[in-house]
Amino acid sequence: MATALAASGSAGFAKAQDAGNEITVEAPRSVPIPVERNPYTGAAIATTTVRMSVLYGDLDLTTQRDSDRLMLRIRNVARDACKQLDRLYPLNPDESCVDKTVETSAPLGQAVIAAARGH
């Protein structure tokens, strides 16, 4: 399930949050707001975020195979979230979206794996 949320403010990198057997991957995109501005102040910017869940309740994270599957799921969901942003804002592509989203989401996946292994 994908959810698009818009919020004004500075553009941060994607975040991941743990909720039970689910990791939420967030892919933000800064987009210009079409408003009239003084040419000396610059354009207003908003950050839109697509959030998608990565479910892992079916995985045995004590095994390397399923741990690798979780990390692959995180990458695939990051890719899907960034594709959704590309569809929403085709004029504002971000070639590094997937890498940034994985970079900020992978540590939570690794923490969930470590917790499952008792570390």
N, C-alpha and C. Protein backbone atom coordinates (compact mmCIF):
# COMPACT_ATOMS: atom_id res chain seq x y z
N MET A 1 0.85 -1.16 0.00
CA MET A 1 0.00 0.00 0.00
C MET A 1 0.90 1.23 0.00
N ALA A 2 0.64 2.17 -0.87
CA ALA A 2 1.43 3.39 -0.95
C ALA A 2 0.59 4.56 -0.50
N THR A 3 1.23 5.47 0.20
CA THR A 3 0.56 6.67 0.65
C THR A 3 1.43 7.85 0.29
N ALA A 4 0.87 8.86 -0.34
CA ALA A 4 1.62 10.06 -0.66
C ALA A 4 1.21 11.15 0.32
N LEU A 5 2.20 11.77 0.94
CA LEU A 5 1.95 12.82 1.90
C LEU A 5 2.75 14.04 1.50
N ALA A 6 2.17 15.21 1.60
CA ALA A 6 2.88 16.43 1.29
C ALA A 6 3.05 17.25 2.56
N ALA A 7 4.22 17.79 2.73
CA ALA A 7 4.49 18.65 3.88
C ALA A 7 5.52 19.68 3.46
N SER A 8 5.31 20.91 3.85
CA SER A 8 6.31 21.92 3.52
C SER A 8 7.43 21.84 4.52
N GLY A 9 8.58 22.27 4.12
CA GLY A 9 9.74 22.23 4.99
C GLY A 9 10.94 21.76 4.22
N SER A 10 12.03 21.55 4.93
CA SER A 10 13.25 21.14 4.25
C SER A 10 13.16 19.68 3.85
N ALA A 11 13.88 19.36 2.80
CA ALA A 11 13.86 17.99 2.28
C ALA A 11 14.83 17.14 3.07
N GLY A 12 14.33 16.13 3.75
CA GLY A 12 15.18 15.19 4.46
C GLY A 12 15.27 13.92 3.67
N PHE A 13 16.19 13.05 4.08
CA PHE A 13 16.29 11.77 3.41
C PHE A 13 15.20 10.85 3.93
N ALA A 14 15.01 9.75 3.24
CA ALA A 14 13.97 8.80 3.60
C ALA A 14 14.24 8.24 4.98
N LYS A 15 13.18 7.84 5.65
CA LYS A 15 13.27 7.26 6.98
C LYS A 15 12.52 5.93 6.96
N ALA A 16 12.86 5.09 7.86
CA ALA A 16 12.14 3.84 8.03
C ALA A 16 11.72 3.73 9.48
N GLN A 17 10.54 3.20 9.70
CA GLN A 17 10.03 3.03 11.05
C GLN A 17 9.53 1.60 11.19
N ASP A 18 9.72 1.04 12.39
CA ASP A 18 9.32 -0.33 12.64
C ASP A 18 7.99 -0.33 13.37
N ALA A 19 7.04 -1.15 12.87
CA ALA A 19 5.73 -1.29 13.52
C ALA A 19 5.35 -2.76 13.49
N GLY A 20 5.78 -3.52 14.49
CA GLY A 20 5.46 -4.94 14.50
C GLY A 20 6.30 -5.69 13.49
N ASN A 21 5.66 -6.42 12.59
CA ASN A 21 6.35 -7.17 11.55
C ASN A 21 6.33 -6.41 10.23
N GLU A 22 6.60 -5.12 10.31
CA GLU A 22 6.50 -4.27 9.14
C GLU A 22 7.50 -3.14 9.28
N ILE A 23 8.16 -2.82 8.20
CA ILE A 23 9.05 -1.67 8.15
C ILE A 23 8.44 -0.70 7.15
N THR A 24 8.37 0.58 7.51
CA THR A 24 7.84 1.59 6.60
C THR A 24 9.01 2.30 5.96
N VAL A 25 9.07 2.22 4.63
CA VAL A 25 10.12 2.87 3.86
C VAL A 25 9.56 4.18 3.33
N GLU A 26 10.29 5.27 3.55
CA GLU A 26 9.84 6.59 3.11
C GLU A 26 10.81 7.14 2.07
N ALA A 27 10.26 7.54 0.93
CA ALA A 27 11.05 8.15 -0.13
C ALA A 27 10.56 9.58 -0.35
N PRO A 28 11.35 10.59 0.05
CA PRO A 28 10.92 11.97 -0.11
C PRO A 28 11.36 12.55 -1.46
N ARG A 29 10.68 13.55 -1.90
CA ARG A 29 11.03 14.27 -3.13
C ARG A 29 10.71 15.73 -2.93
N SER A 30 11.67 16.61 -3.16
CA SER A 30 11.44 18.04 -3.10
C SER A 30 10.91 18.50 -4.45
N VAL A 31 9.82 19.22 -4.40
CA VAL A 31 9.20 19.70 -5.63
C VAL A 31 8.87 21.18 -5.49
N PRO A 32 9.00 21.94 -6.59
CA PRO A 32 8.65 23.35 -6.53
C PRO A 32 7.15 23.54 -6.43
N ILE A 33 6.75 24.51 -5.65
CA ILE A 33 5.34 24.85 -5.53
C ILE A 33 5.06 25.98 -6.52
N PRO A 34 4.06 25.81 -7.38
CA PRO A 34 3.78 26.87 -8.36
C PRO A 34 3.09 28.07 -7.71
N VAL A 35 3.90 28.97 -7.16
CA VAL A 35 3.38 30.20 -6.56
C VAL A 35 4.18 31.36 -7.12
N GLU A 36 3.57 32.51 -7.12
CA GLU A 36 4.27 33.70 -7.60
C GLU A 36 5.20 34.18 -6.50
N ARG A 37 6.45 34.39 -6.84
CA ARG A 37 7.47 34.81 -5.88
C ARG A 37 8.28 35.95 -6.45
N ASN A 38 8.85 36.69 -5.57
CA ASN A 38 9.81 37.71 -5.95
C ASN A 38 11.00 37.00 -6.56
N PRO A 39 11.51 37.44 -7.71
CA PRO A 39 12.62 36.73 -8.35
C PRO A 39 13.88 36.69 -7.48
N TYR A 40 13.96 37.55 -6.47
CA TYR A 40 15.14 37.57 -5.61
C TYR A 40 15.05 36.59 -4.45
N THR A 41 13.84 36.09 -4.14
CA THR A 41 13.68 35.18 -3.00
C THR A 41 13.72 33.72 -3.40
N GLY A 42 13.51 33.39 -4.66
CA GLY A 42 13.53 32.01 -5.11
C GLY A 42 12.18 31.34 -4.98
N ALA A 43 12.09 30.14 -5.51
CA ALA A 43 10.82 29.39 -5.51
C ALA A 43 10.61 28.69 -4.18
N ALA A 44 9.36 28.56 -3.81
CA ALA A 44 9.00 27.79 -2.62
C ALA A 44 9.18 26.31 -2.92
N ILE A 45 9.59 25.55 -1.93
CA ILE A 45 9.82 24.11 -2.11
C ILE A 45 9.01 23.34 -1.07
N ALA A 46 8.41 22.26 -1.50
CA ALA A 46 7.70 21.35 -0.60
C ALA A 46 8.34 19.97 -0.73
N THR A 47 8.18 19.17 0.30
CA THR A 47 8.67 17.79 0.23
C THR A 47 7.48 16.86 0.26
N THR A 48 7.40 16.01 -0.74
CA THR A 48 6.37 14.99 -0.82
C THR A 48 7.03 13.65 -0.49
N THR A 49 6.34 12.84 0.29
CA THR A 49 6.89 11.56 0.69
C THR A 49 5.92 10.44 0.34
N VAL A 50 6.46 9.39 -0.25
CA VAL A 50 5.69 8.17 -0.49
C VAL A 50 6.15 7.16 0.55
N ARG A 51 5.19 6.60 1.27
CA ARG A 51 5.49 5.58 2.29
C ARG A 51 4.92 4.24 1.84
N MET A 52 5.74 3.23 1.92
CA MET A 52 5.32 1.87 1.59
C MET A 52 5.83 0.92 2.66
N SER A 53 5.05 -0.09 2.95
CA SER A 53 5.41 -1.06 3.98
C SER A 53 6.19 -2.23 3.40
N VAL A 54 7.13 -2.71 4.20
CA VAL A 54 7.86 -3.94 3.90
C VAL A 54 7.47 -4.93 4.99
N LEU A 55 6.74 -5.95 4.61
CA LEU A 55 6.31 -6.97 5.58
C LEU A 55 7.37 -8.05 5.69
N TYR A 56 7.61 -8.52 6.91
CA TYR A 56 8.61 -9.56 7.09
C TYR A 56 8.19 -10.63 8.10
N GLY A 57 6.91 -10.66 8.44
CA GLY A 57 6.41 -11.65 9.39
C GLY A 57 6.58 -13.08 8.92
N ASP A 58 6.70 -13.27 7.62
CA ASP A 58 6.85 -14.61 7.06
C ASP A 58 8.31 -15.07 6.99
N LEU A 59 9.23 -14.21 7.42
CA LEU A 59 10.65 -14.54 7.32
C LEU A 59 11.21 -14.99 8.67
N ASP A 60 12.15 -15.91 8.62
CA ASP A 60 12.90 -16.32 9.80
C ASP A 60 14.22 -15.57 9.75
N LEU A 61 14.26 -14.43 10.43
CA LEU A 61 15.41 -13.53 10.33
C LEU A 61 16.64 -14.05 11.06
N THR A 62 16.54 -15.23 11.68
CA THR A 62 17.73 -15.83 12.28
C THR A 62 18.57 -16.53 11.22
N THR A 63 18.03 -16.69 10.02
CA THR A 63 18.78 -17.32 8.93
C THR A 63 19.29 -16.25 7.97
N GLN A 64 20.46 -16.51 7.39
CA GLN A 64 21.05 -15.56 6.44
C GLN A 64 20.17 -15.40 5.20
N ARG A 65 19.58 -16.51 4.75
CA ARG A 65 18.75 -16.48 3.54
C ARG A 65 17.58 -15.51 3.70
N ASP A 66 16.85 -15.61 4.81
CA ASP A 66 15.70 -14.74 5.01
C ASP A 66 16.13 -13.31 5.36
N SER A 67 17.28 -13.15 6.01
CA SER A 67 17.79 -11.81 6.27
C SER A 67 18.11 -11.11 4.95
N ASP A 68 18.71 -11.85 4.03
CA ASP A 68 18.99 -11.30 2.69
C ASP A 68 17.69 -10.95 1.97
N ARG A 69 16.68 -11.77 2.16
CA ARG A 69 15.38 -11.50 1.53
C ARG A 69 14.78 -10.19 2.06
N LEU A 70 14.90 -9.96 3.38
CA LEU A 70 14.38 -8.71 3.95
C LEU A 70 15.09 -7.52 3.33
N MET A 71 16.41 -7.59 3.22
CA MET A 71 17.15 -6.47 2.66
C MET A 71 16.79 -6.27 1.18
N LEU A 72 16.54 -7.34 0.46
CA LEU A 72 16.10 -7.22 -0.94
C LEU A 72 14.71 -6.60 -1.01
N ARG A 73 13.84 -6.99 -0.10
CA ARG A 73 12.50 -6.39 -0.07
C ARG A 73 12.58 -4.89 0.18
N ILE A 74 13.47 -4.50 1.09
CA ILE A 74 13.63 -3.06 1.35
C ILE A 74 14.07 -2.34 0.08
N ARG A 75 15.03 -2.89 -0.64
CA ARG A 75 15.49 -2.27 -1.89
C ARG A 75 14.36 -2.22 -2.92
N ASN A 76 13.60 -3.30 -3.06
CA ASN A 76 12.51 -3.34 -4.04
C ASN A 76 11.42 -2.33 -3.69
N VAL A 77 11.09 -2.21 -2.42
CA VAL A 77 10.06 -1.25 -2.00
C VAL A 77 10.57 0.17 -2.19
N ALA A 78 11.85 0.41 -1.91
CA ALA A 78 12.43 1.74 -2.16
C ALA A 78 12.32 2.09 -3.64
N ARG A 79 12.62 1.13 -4.50
CA ARG A 79 12.51 1.35 -5.94
C ARG A 79 11.06 1.65 -6.33
N ASP A 80 10.11 0.90 -5.78
CA ASP A 80 8.69 1.14 -6.09
C ASP A 80 8.23 2.51 -5.60
N ALA A 81 8.68 2.91 -4.41
CA ALA A 81 8.30 4.22 -3.87
C ALA A 81 8.86 5.34 -4.74
N CYS A 82 10.09 5.18 -5.19
CA CYS A 82 10.69 6.20 -6.06
C CYS A 82 10.01 6.24 -7.42
N LYS A 83 9.61 5.09 -7.93
CA LYS A 83 8.85 5.08 -9.20
C LYS A 83 7.52 5.80 -9.04
N GLN A 84 6.88 5.62 -7.88
CA GLN A 84 5.63 6.32 -7.62
C GLN A 84 5.86 7.83 -7.63
N LEU A 85 6.95 8.27 -7.00
CA LEU A 85 7.28 9.70 -7.01
C LEU A 85 7.55 10.19 -8.43
N ASP A 86 8.21 9.37 -9.25
CA ASP A 86 8.46 9.75 -10.64
C ASP A 86 7.16 9.90 -11.42
N ARG A 87 6.17 9.05 -11.10
CA ARG A 87 4.87 9.18 -11.77
C ARG A 87 4.14 10.44 -11.28
N LEU A 88 4.25 10.74 -9.99
CA LEU A 88 3.59 11.92 -9.45
C LEU A 88 4.24 13.21 -9.92
N TYR A 89 5.58 13.20 -10.04
CA TYR A 89 6.33 14.40 -10.39
C TYR A 89 7.33 14.10 -11.50
N PRO A 90 6.84 13.88 -12.71
CA PRO A 90 7.75 13.50 -13.81
C PRO A 90 8.75 14.59 -14.18
N LEU A 91 8.48 15.82 -13.82
CA LEU A 91 9.40 16.91 -14.16
C LEU A 91 10.47 17.13 -13.10
N ASN A 92 10.41 16.38 -12.01
CA ASN A 92 11.39 16.50 -10.93
C ASN A 92 12.02 15.15 -10.62
N PRO A 93 12.74 14.56 -11.57
CA PRO A 93 13.35 13.25 -11.32
C PRO A 93 14.50 13.35 -10.31
N ASP A 94 14.73 12.27 -9.60
CA ASP A 94 15.84 12.18 -8.67
C ASP A 94 16.51 10.84 -8.90
N GLU A 95 17.61 10.86 -9.61
CA GLU A 95 18.32 9.63 -9.98
C GLU A 95 18.87 8.89 -8.76
N SER A 96 19.08 9.60 -7.67
CA SER A 96 19.64 8.96 -6.48
C SER A 96 18.58 8.57 -5.46
N CYS A 97 17.32 8.67 -5.82
CA CYS A 97 16.22 8.39 -4.88
C CYS A 97 16.33 7.00 -4.27
N VAL A 98 16.50 5.98 -5.09
CA VAL A 98 16.53 4.61 -4.58
C VAL A 98 17.71 4.42 -3.62
N ASP A 99 18.88 4.89 -4.02
CA ASP A 99 20.06 4.73 -3.17
C ASP A 99 19.89 5.46 -1.84
N LYS A 100 19.37 6.68 -1.87
CA LYS A 100 19.17 7.44 -0.62
C LYS A 100 18.13 6.75 0.27
N THR A 101 17.06 6.24 -0.35
CA THR A 101 16.01 5.59 0.42
C THR A 101 16.51 4.30 1.05
N VAL A 102 17.26 3.52 0.31
CA VAL A 102 17.83 2.29 0.85
C VAL A 102 18.85 2.63 1.95
N GLU A 103 19.64 3.65 1.73
CA GLU A 103 20.67 4.04 2.71
C GLU A 103 20.05 4.38 4.06
N THR A 104 18.88 4.99 4.05
CA THR A 104 18.25 5.37 5.31
C THR A 104 17.32 4.29 5.85
N SER A 105 16.88 3.37 5.03
CA SER A 105 15.97 2.31 5.45
C SER A 105 16.70 1.03 5.87
N ALA A 106 17.84 0.75 5.26
CA ALA A 106 18.57 -0.48 5.54
C ALA A 106 18.99 -0.62 7.00
N PRO A 107 19.40 0.46 7.69
CA PRO A 107 19.78 0.27 9.09
C PRO A 107 18.65 -0.27 9.97
N LEU A 108 17.42 0.10 9.68
CA LEU A 108 16.31 -0.45 10.46
C LEU A 108 16.14 -1.93 10.15
N GLY A 109 16.28 -2.31 8.89
CA GLY A 109 16.22 -3.72 8.53
C GLY A 109 17.31 -4.50 9.25
N GLN A 110 18.52 -3.92 9.30
CA GLN A 110 19.63 -4.58 10.00
C GLN A 110 19.36 -4.66 11.50
N ALA A 111 18.72 -3.65 12.06
CA ALA A 111 18.38 -3.67 13.49
C ALA A 111 17.34 -4.74 13.79
N VAL A 112 16.36 -4.90 12.89
CA VAL A 112 15.34 -5.93 13.07
C VAL A 112 15.98 -7.32 13.00
N ILE A 113 16.92 -7.49 12.08
CA ILE A 113 17.63 -8.75 11.95
C ILE A 113 18.44 -9.04 13.22
N ALA A 114 19.17 -8.03 13.69
CA ALA A 114 19.96 -8.20 14.91
C ALA A 114 19.10 -8.55 16.11
N ALA A 115 17.94 -7.90 16.21
CA ALA A 115 17.01 -8.20 17.32
C ALA A 115 16.51 -9.64 17.23
N ALA A 116 16.22 -10.09 16.02
CA ALA A 116 15.74 -11.47 15.85
C ALA A 116 16.82 -12.49 16.24
N ARG A 117 18.08 -12.10 16.05
CA ARG A 117 19.19 -13.00 16.37
C ARG A 117 19.67 -12.83 17.80
N GLY A 118 19.04 -11.92 18.54
CA GLY A 118 19.39 -11.74 19.93
C GLY A 118 20.65 -10.93 20.16
N HIS A 119 21.03 -10.12 19.20
CA HIS A 119 22.25 -9.28 19.34
C HIS A 119 21.92 -7.93 19.91
